[in-house]
């Protein structure tokens, strides 16, 4: 078993970082008119997931850590919602969104 010395050692943080990268790649395909609408919201929500995991890991108490993990899960659900919206708007195909939604579903 590997010792956890940093948030970077957490598999959940690593997968959350993968999620952010995938979201950035997907949103690069969105129309330019969405730059300050769905694109901004989904990238912020996705980036918030690993950021909150990292911040929670750095906190002094398990209660604080749990709070930040709950916030990360909320951001994860926001990300899923914006992905589903992008599908409905026709900015993504189901095949394009599937790998990212799969990452989301690993935590639900």
Protein backbone atom coordinates (compact mmCIF):
# COMPACT_ATOMS: atom_id res chain seq x y z
CA UNK A 1 0.00 0.00 0.00
CA UNK A 2 1.36 3.42 -0.99
CA UNK A 3 1.58 6.09 1.68
CA UNK A 4 -0.49 9.20 0.95
CA UNK A 5 1.85 12.15 1.39
CA UNK A 6 0.05 14.67 -0.79
CA UNK A 7 -3.28 15.21 -2.48
CA UNK A 8 -1.41 14.31 -5.70
CA UNK A 9 -1.14 10.74 -4.36
CA UNK A 10 -4.93 10.39 -4.14
CA UNK A 11 -6.43 8.39 -7.02
CA UNK A 12 -9.61 10.47 -6.78
CA UNK A 13 -7.59 13.68 -7.32
CA UNK A 14 -5.76 12.11 -10.28
CA UNK A 15 -9.05 11.07 -11.88
CA UNK A 16 -10.50 14.50 -11.20
CA UNK A 17 -7.55 16.04 -13.03
CA UNK A 18 -8.24 13.66 -15.95
CA UNK A 19 -11.84 14.89 -15.90
CA UNK A 20 -10.74 18.53 -16.17
CA UNK A 21 -8.47 17.77 -19.12
CA UNK A 22 -11.27 15.91 -20.89
CA UNK A 23 -13.70 18.77 -20.27
CA UNK A 24 -11.23 21.29 -21.68
CA UNK A 25 -10.79 19.16 -24.81
CA UNK A 26 -14.55 18.80 -25.23
CA UNK A 27 -15.31 22.48 -24.74
CA UNK A 28 -12.74 23.43 -27.38
CA UNK A 29 -15.35 22.11 -29.85
CA UNK A 30 -18.16 24.32 -28.54
CA UNK A 31 -19.32 27.28 -30.62
CA UNK A 32 -17.54 30.58 -29.98
CA UNK A 33 -20.88 32.04 -28.86
CA UNK A 34 -20.70 29.76 -25.80
CA UNK A 35 -17.34 31.08 -24.57
CA UNK A 36 -18.89 33.11 -21.75
CA UNK A 37 -21.86 30.83 -21.16
CA UNK A 38 -21.76 27.02 -20.97
CA UNK A 39 -18.02 26.77 -21.69
CA UNK A 40 -17.08 28.98 -18.76
CA UNK A 41 -19.48 27.26 -16.39
CA UNK A 42 -18.48 23.69 -17.23
CA UNK A 43 -14.74 24.37 -17.10
CA UNK A 44 -15.05 26.15 -13.75
CA UNK A 45 -17.18 23.34 -12.32
CA UNK A 46 -14.76 20.67 -13.56
CA UNK A 47 -11.67 22.51 -12.29
CA UNK A 48 -13.35 22.94 -8.91
CA UNK A 49 -13.47 19.16 -8.37
CA UNK A 50 -9.71 18.50 -7.97
CA UNK A 51 -9.19 21.92 -6.40
CA UNK A 52 -11.62 21.12 -3.58
CA UNK A 53 -10.14 17.66 -3.09
CA UNK A 54 -6.69 19.23 -2.75
CA UNK A 55 -7.87 21.97 -0.42
CA UNK A 56 -9.77 19.51 1.75
CA UNK A 57 -6.76 17.22 2.00
CA UNK A 58 -4.70 20.15 3.27
CA UNK A 59 -7.18 21.00 6.03
CA UNK A 60 -6.46 20.17 9.64
CA UNK A 61 -9.56 18.20 10.55
CA UNK A 62 -11.50 15.29 9.07
CA UNK A 63 -14.67 17.41 9.29
CA UNK A 64 -13.10 20.12 7.10
CA UNK A 65 -11.88 17.46 4.68
CA UNK A 66 -15.38 15.95 4.46
CA UNK A 67 -16.85 19.41 3.79
CA UNK A 68 -14.50 20.00 0.85
CA UNK A 69 -15.13 16.50 -0.52
CA UNK A 70 -18.86 17.23 -0.43
CA UNK A 71 -18.21 20.50 -2.28
CA UNK A 72 -16.13 18.59 -4.86
CA UNK A 73 -19.01 16.16 -5.40
CA UNK A 74 -21.37 19.10 -5.89
CA UNK A 75 -19.03 20.50 -8.54
CA UNK A 76 -18.90 17.07 -10.13
CA UNK A 77 -22.69 17.04 -10.42
CA UNK A 78 -22.58 20.53 -11.94
CA UNK A 79 -20.09 19.24 -14.50
CA UNK A 80 -22.37 16.33 -15.35
CA UNK A 81 -25.33 18.70 -15.72
CA UNK A 82 -23.43 20.97 -18.12
CA UNK A 83 -22.27 17.94 -20.13
CA UNK A 84 -25.88 16.81 -20.43
CA UNK A 85 -26.86 20.33 -21.48
CA UNK A 86 -24.13 20.35 -24.13
CA UNK A 87 -25.53 17.06 -25.43
CA UNK A 88 -29.05 18.50 -25.60
CA UNK A 89 -27.77 21.60 -27.37
CA UNK A 90 -25.97 19.45 -29.92
CA UNK A 91 -22.48 20.68 -29.01
CA UNK A 92 -21.38 17.10 -28.27
CA UNK A 93 -22.36 13.68 -29.49
CA UNK A 94 -23.09 10.88 -27.07
CA UNK A 95 -19.88 9.16 -28.20
CA UNK A 96 -17.82 12.29 -27.51
CA UNK A 97 -19.31 12.76 -24.06
CA UNK A 98 -19.24 9.08 -23.01
CA UNK A 99 -15.64 8.89 -21.67
CA UNK A 100 -16.10 12.02 -19.57
CA UNK A 101 -19.49 10.94 -18.27
CA UNK A 102 -17.91 7.60 -17.39
CA UNK A 103 -15.41 9.40 -15.16
CA UNK A 104 -18.27 11.29 -13.50
CA UNK A 105 -20.20 8.07 -12.90
CA UNK A 106 -17.23 6.41 -11.16
CA UNK A 107 -17.93 8.64 -8.14
CA UNK A 108 -21.70 8.42 -8.02
